[in-house]
């Protein structure tokens, strides 16, 4: 019966012709920079490799699991960043999986001595579908265990192209960016009809506030980074994340709140009410070991779902390559870039 309900939901959602779900997300936004905004491509001195994994609602029979991996590099001679990113998201016991792999490009425009503008593009190939072998229904089975329901047999995989763009404006101590995903509204229906993926837009920004105003050569200078991410997708989803992290190298700890402060709702009498929507409280911690940042976060669910889902666990690995000889040779030519991982990398 449980799997039958899954199929019913699949058919219902696909038949509407309008996808109303949200994209998978990471709580450690700035440990998945290319996933957040293609404008962050090549924003480090040389090469960078990132890996992210999120396990959402582990107490459910089949949790939601998301992976992302990326590589990017800054080419100084071209003032450009190049990258590649792959991600996959698995939902539920039916093996519903959405995967992407694509290329990223950004160009660094130095507006002044202190300001840099970085527009970026993301071209991806995606696949959406489920594993029909896991949909073993007790009603109406053929001899080989497959359903004879024609709607079930129509289920398949949908492949598509996806296009996204973004831009980031930053200086020594603050950044502001905007990105738009699924700009071509790809068809992701798994029933062979039309079901368009809505455009997702996110606006994000933050700043670095040092807690010590003395010489910069001081090794252990603490600072805080307040930041936010606001996003919406289609007409059914919008969300605001605000957070504050405290850094004293090599350790950083922080807290984020996820939700939307005010949202209109309609009560039983038809009157419009303004309510506070709550989603999660996120605790984040990271440790910097030379060029490797290791991060962990946990989402405490504060919505109506309560604690029965088990919250969400997330880990991140970010490795930034460095070449001391190249850094000294081109120190005056490097474009300034913000870093969210360590004090020394925030301004190069």
Foldseek 3Di string as FASTA:
>chain_A
DVLVVVLVVLVVQLVVLEHDDDDDDDPPDQLVPCVNALLCAAQFAFKKKKKKKKWFLVLDPDTKIKIKIKMKTQDLVQQKMKMKMKMKIADDQQRWMKIKIWIKMWHWDAPDPFKIKIKMKIKIKMKTFGDQVRSQDPPQADPVRHHPPVQSVLFDMDIDIWIKIKMKMGGLWKIKMKIKTRPVQIAGRRNPDGYTWFIKMKIKMKTKAWPDDDDPPPQWTKIKIWMKMWMDTDPNDIKIKTKMWIDGPQKIKMKIFMFAQWDWDADPVGDIDIDGGGFWIKIKMWGDDPQKIKIKMWTQGPGPVHCSSVTMIMIMIMGDDDDVVVCVVCVVSDDFGAHPRDDVRGGD
